[in-house]
Amino acid sequence: MPQPYTLLVATDFSDCSRAALAEALDIAVLRAPSELVLLHVLDVADGPALDAMSESEKVADGMLAEVEKIRPKSELPATVKLHCHVVRGAPAQRVVDEAIAHRCDLIVVGTHGRTGLGRLVLGSVAETIVRLAPCSVLTVKKSAAR
């Protein structure tokens, strides 16, 4: 059996990340056998987690629910494996760290498309991922949503 194509999709449950998830699911199906690593980063800037284990489980359940809305498991071939990971840290760096750890071939992230002062003040997680990533990065705008 060929080596699986490994994709990492970062989600924050925004419309932008839903669009990225939809694209990643399509790519995973087309590139099967594949592994799709669903990643949510609990931002350290948001303060301490109340109960890290139950919070992680809720987030993982939420990620699987998002997948089901976009493409029910019955529509996913058996050659596409899903993995949910919830980590804590600075979002861009953790996405890059997880991509390295999972030896990803592609990172898929949504982008809010902020420009000007908004981007300067807030920074861009997607831009930082593109600069630091060990592999190709696909950025998906919300308008790509179906």
C-alpha atoms as a PDB file:
ATOM      1  CA  MET A   1       0.000   0.000   0.000  1.00  0.00           C
ATOM      2  CA  PRO A   2       1.351   3.475  -0.866  1.00  0.00           C
ATOM      3  CA  GLN A   3       2.435   5.917   1.821  1.00  0.00           C
ATOM      4  CA  PRO A   4      -0.584   7.996   2.945  1.00  0.00           C
ATOM      5  CA  TYR A   5      -0.728  11.649   1.967  1.00  0.00           C
ATOM      6  CA  THR A   6      -0.876  13.572   5.253  1.00  0.00           C
ATOM      7  CA  LEU A   7      -2.793  16.817   5.579  1.00  0.00           C
ATOM      8  CA  LEU A   8      -3.153  18.997   8.630  1.00  0.00           C
ATOM      9  CA  VAL A   9      -6.127  21.325   8.833  1.00  0.00           C
ATOM     10  CA  ALA A  10      -6.175  23.908  11.590  1.00  0.00           C
ATOM     11  CA  THR A  11      -9.592  24.898  12.863  1.00  0.00           C
ATOM     12  CA  ASP A  12     -10.864  27.583  15.176  1.00  0.00           C
ATOM     13  CA  PHE A  13     -14.512  26.828  14.257  1.00  0.00           C
ATOM     14  CA  SER A  14     -14.840  30.053  12.259  1.00  0.00           C
ATOM     15  CA  ASP A  15     -16.437  30.205   8.820  1.00  0.00           C
ATOM     16  CA  CYS A  16     -12.924  30.536   7.376  1.00  0.00           C
ATOM     17  CA  SER A  17     -11.726  27.348   9.011  1.00  0.00           C
ATOM     18  CA  ARG A  18     -14.892  25.522   7.887  1.00  0.00           C
ATOM     19  CA  ALA A  19     -14.021  26.467   4.303  1.00  0.00           C
ATOM     20  CA  ALA A  20     -10.489  25.147   4.888  1.00  0.00           C
ATOM     21  CA  LEU A  21     -11.860  21.910   6.337  1.00  0.00           C
ATOM     22  CA  ALA A  22     -14.107  21.404   3.298  1.00  0.00           C
ATOM     23  CA  GLU A  23     -11.121  21.846   0.964  1.00  0.00           C
ATOM     24  CA  ALA A  24      -8.965  19.534   3.069  1.00  0.00           C
ATOM     25  CA  LEU A  25     -11.636  16.828   3.024  1.00  0.00           C
ATOM     26  CA  ASP A  26     -11.884  17.050  -0.765  1.00  0.00           C
ATOM     27  CA  ILE A  27      -8.107  16.808  -1.124  1.00  0.00           C
ATOM     28  CA  ALA A  28      -7.918  13.891   1.315  1.00  0.00           C
ATOM     29  CA  VAL A  29     -10.504  11.967  -0.715  1.00  0.00           C
ATOM     30  CA  LEU A  30      -8.725  12.720  -4.005  1.00  0.00           C
ATOM     31  CA  ARG A  31      -5.285  11.817  -2.601  1.00  0.00           C
ATOM     32  CA  ALA A  32      -6.378   8.665  -0.750  1.00  0.00           C
ATOM     33  CA  PRO A  33      -4.859   6.853   0.941  1.00  0.00           C
ATOM     34  CA  SER A  34      -4.581   9.852   3.193  1.00  0.00           C
ATOM     35  CA  GLU A  35      -4.527  10.940   6.789  1.00  0.00           C
ATOM     36  CA  LEU A  36      -6.280  14.119   7.816  1.00  0.00           C
ATOM     37  CA  VAL A  37      -5.048  15.617  11.062  1.00  0.00           C
ATOM     38  CA  LEU A  38      -7.679  17.963  12.490  1.00  0.00           C
ATOM     39  CA  LEU A  39      -5.991  20.428  14.831  1.00  0.00           C
ATOM     40  CA  HIS A  40      -7.359  22.993  17.237  1.00  0.00           C
ATOM     41  CA  VAL A  41      -4.978  25.154  19.244  1.00  0.00           C
ATOM     42  CA  LEU A  42      -6.141  26.473  22.593  1.00  0.00           C
ATOM     43  CA  ASP A  43      -4.437  29.847  22.504  1.00  0.00           C
ATOM     44  CA  VAL A  44      -2.333  30.574  25.581  1.00  0.00           C
ATOM     45  CA  ALA A  45      -3.440  34.208  25.266  1.00  0.00           C
ATOM     46  CA  ASP A  46      -6.976  33.101  26.156  1.00  0.00           C
ATOM     47  CA  GLY A  47      -5.900  32.224  29.698  1.00  0.00           C
ATOM     48  CA  PRO A  48      -5.672  28.915  31.555  1.00  0.00           C
ATOM     49  CA  ALA A  49      -7.941  26.036  30.630  1.00  0.00           C
ATOM     50  CA  LEU A  50     -10.631  25.240  33.149  1.00  0.00           C
ATOM     51  CA  ASP A  51     -10.374  21.499  32.799  1.00  0.00           C
ATOM     52  CA  ALA A  52      -7.915  20.622  30.049  1.00  0.00           C
ATOM     53  CA  MET A  53      -9.108  17.031  29.543  1.00  0.00           C
ATOM     54  CA  SER A  54     -12.825  17.724  29.292  1.00  0.00           C
ATOM     55  CA  GLU A  55     -12.147  20.861  27.232  1.00  0.00           C
ATOM     56  CA  SER A  56     -10.036  18.850  24.773  1.00  0.00           C
ATOM     57  CA  GLU A  57     -12.711  16.163  24.487  1.00  0.00           C
ATOM     58  CA  LYS A  58     -15.400  18.772  23.786  1.00  0.00           C
ATOM     59  CA  VAL A  59     -13.237  20.409  21.127  1.00  0.00           C
ATOM     60  CA  ALA A  60     -12.462  17.041  19.499  1.00  0.00           C
ATOM     61  CA  ASP A  61     -16.177  16.205  19.443  1.00  0.00           C
ATOM     62  CA  GLY A  62     -16.797  19.602  17.852  1.00  0.00           C
ATOM     63  CA  MET A  63     -14.215  18.916  15.149  1.00  0.00           C
ATOM     64  CA  LEU A  64     -15.842  15.598  14.281  1.00  0.00           C
ATOM     65  CA  ALA A  65     -19.255  17.289  14.183  1.00  0.00           C
ATOM     66  CA  GLU A  66     -17.854  19.843  11.712  1.00  0.00           C
ATOM     67  CA  VAL A  67     -16.615  17.007   9.493  1.00  0.00           C
ATOM     68  CA  GLU A  68     -20.030  15.346   9.615  1.00  0.00           C
ATOM     69  CA  LYS A  69     -21.735  18.592   8.500  1.00  0.00           C
ATOM     70  CA  ILE A  70     -19.436  18.911   5.499  1.00  0.00           C
ATOM     71  CA  ARG A  71     -18.979  15.288   4.507  1.00  0.00           C
ATOM     72  CA  PRO A  72     -20.673  12.511   6.487  1.00  0.00           C
ATOM     73  CA  LYS A  73     -18.449   9.585   7.442  1.00  0.00           C
ATOM     74  CA  SER A  74     -20.500   7.391   5.132  1.00  0.00           C
ATOM     75  CA  GLU A  75     -19.137   9.490   2.243  1.00  0.00           C
ATOM     76  CA  LEU A  76     -15.508   9.147   3.326  1.00  0.00           C
ATOM     77  CA  PRO A  77     -13.623   6.220   1.840  1.00  0.00           C
ATOM     78  CA  ALA A  78     -12.003   3.811   4.273  1.00  0.00           C
ATOM     79  CA  THR A  79      -8.650   4.973   2.904  1.00  0.00           C
ATOM     80  CA  VAL A  80      -9.093   8.384   4.576  1.00  0.00           C
ATOM     81  CA  LYS A  81      -8.169   8.349   8.252  1.00  0.00           C
ATOM     82  CA  LEU A  82      -9.165  11.203  10.569  1.00  0.00           C
ATOM     83  CA  HIS A  83      -7.187  12.192  13.655  1.00  0.00           C
ATOM     84  CA  CYS A  84      -8.233  14.924  16.103  1.00  0.00           C
ATOM     85  CA  HIS A  85      -5.629  16.782  18.127  1.00  0.00           C
ATOM     86  CA  VAL A  86      -6.124  19.580  20.618  1.00  0.00           C
ATOM     87  CA  VAL A  87      -3.006  21.372  21.806  1.00  0.00           C
ATOM     88  CA  ARG A  88      -2.232  24.479  23.804  1.00  0.00           C
ATOM     89  CA  GLY A  89       0.124  27.274  22.794  1.00  0.00           C
ATOM     90  CA  ALA A  90       0.701  30.024  20.275  1.00  0.00           C
ATOM     91  CA  PRO A  91      -1.474  29.031  17.283  1.00  0.00           C
ATOM     92  CA  ALA A  92       0.941  29.523  14.370  1.00  0.00           C
ATOM     93  CA  GLN A  93       3.881  27.873  16.107  1.00  0.00           C
ATOM     94  CA  ARG A  94       1.796  24.920  17.319  1.00  0.00           C
ATOM     95  CA  VAL A  95       0.400  24.325  13.810  1.00  0.00           C
ATOM     96  CA  VAL A  96       3.947  24.228  12.450  1.00  0.00           C
ATOM     97  CA  ASP A  97       5.115  21.982  15.315  1.00  0.00           C
ATOM     98  CA  GLU A  98       2.266  19.530  14.694  1.00  0.00           C
ATOM     99  CA  ALA A  99       2.941  19.521  10.942  1.00  0.00           C
ATOM    100  CA  ILE A 100       6.530  18.553  11.669  1.00  0.00           C
ATOM    101  CA  ALA A 101       5.511  15.913  14.223  1.00  0.00           C
ATOM    102  CA  HIS A 102       3.034  14.296  11.803  1.00  0.00           C
ATOM    103  CA  ARG A 103       5.328  14.661   8.771  1.00  0.00           C
ATOM    104  CA  CYS A 104       2.590  16.465   6.889  1.00  0.00           C
ATOM    105  CA  ASP A 105       2.627  16.916   3.142  1.00  0.00           C
ATOM    106  CA  LEU A 106       0.212  19.850   3.267  1.00  0.00           C
ATOM    107  CA  ILE A 107      -1.195  22.295   5.823  1.00  0.00           C
ATOM    108  CA  VAL A 108      -4.636  23.759   5.092  1.00  0.00           C
ATOM    109  CA  VAL A 109      -5.711  26.903   6.949  1.00  0.00           C
ATOM    110  CA  GLY A 110      -8.492  29.407   6.603  1.00  0.00           C
ATOM    111  CA  THR A 111      -7.684  33.051   6.264  1.00  0.00           C
ATOM    112  CA  HIS A 112      -9.826  35.963   7.360  1.00  0.00           C
ATOM    113  CA  GLY A 113      -8.299  38.133   4.657  1.00  0.00           C
ATOM    114  CA  ARG A 114      -7.620  41.101   6.915  1.00  0.00           C
ATOM    115  CA  THR A 115      -5.559  43.866   5.374  1.00  0.00           C
ATOM    116  CA  GLY A 116      -4.005  47.122   6.447  1.00  0.00           C
ATOM    117  CA  LEU A 117      -4.056  48.159  10.080  1.00  0.00           C
ATOM    118  CA  GLY A 118      -6.175  45.171  11.175  1.00  0.00           C
ATOM    119  CA  ARG A 119      -3.543  42.761   9.909  1.00  0.00           C
ATOM    120  CA  LEU A 120      -0.697  44.840  11.315  1.00  0.00           C
ATOM    121  CA  VAL A 121      -2.221  45.010  14.794  1.00  0.00           C
ATOM    122  CA  LEU A 122      -3.595  41.478  14.956  1.00  0.00           C
ATOM    123  CA  GLY A 123      -0.861  39.756  12.979  1.00  0.00           C
ATOM    124  CA  SER A 124      -1.669  36.881  10.689  1.00  0.00           C
ATOM    125  CA  VAL A 125      -1.585  33.309  11.902  1.00  0.00           C
ATOM    126  CA  ALA A 126      -1.872  32.069   8.316  1.00  0.00           C
ATOM    127  CA  GLU A 127       1.008  34.266   7.149  1.00  0.00           C
ATOM    128  CA  THR A 128       3.249  33.041   9.966  1.00  0.00           C
ATOM    129  CA  ILE A 129       2.375  29.425   9.153  1.00  0.00           C
ATOM    130  CA  VAL A 130       3.268  30.000   5.493  1.00  0.00           C
ATOM    131  CA  ARG A 131       6.652  31.448   6.488  1.00  0.00           C
ATOM    132  CA  LEU A 132       7.550  28.729   9.008  1.00  0.00           C
ATOM    133  CA  ALA A 133       5.927  25.603   7.558  1.00  0.00           C
ATOM    134  CA  PRO A 134       8.038  22.576   6.647  1.00  0.00           C
ATOM    135  CA  CYS A 135       5.669  21.757   3.766  1.00  0.00           C
ATOM    136  CA  SER A 136       3.260  23.396   1.349  1.00  0.00           C
ATOM    137  CA  VAL A 137       0.438  25.498   2.803  1.00  0.00           C
ATOM    138  CA  LEU A 138      -2.970  26.046   1.232  1.00  0.00           C
ATOM    139  CA  THR A 139      -4.806  29.111   2.502  1.00  0.00           C
ATOM    140  CA  VAL A 140      -8.556  29.144   1.963  1.00  0.00           C
ATOM    141  CA  LYS A 141     -10.779  32.221   2.079  1.00  0.00           C
ATOM    142  CA  LYS A 142     -14.286  32.067   3.477  1.00  0.00           C
ATOM    143  CA  SER A 143     -15.692  32.785   0.013  1.00  0.00           C
ATOM    144  CA  ALA A 144     -14.490  29.318  -1.026  1.00  0.00           C
ATOM    145  CA  ALA A 145     -17.131  27.784   1.268  1.00  0.00           C
ATOM    146  CA  ARG A 146     -19.885  25.831  -0.431  1.00  0.00           C
END
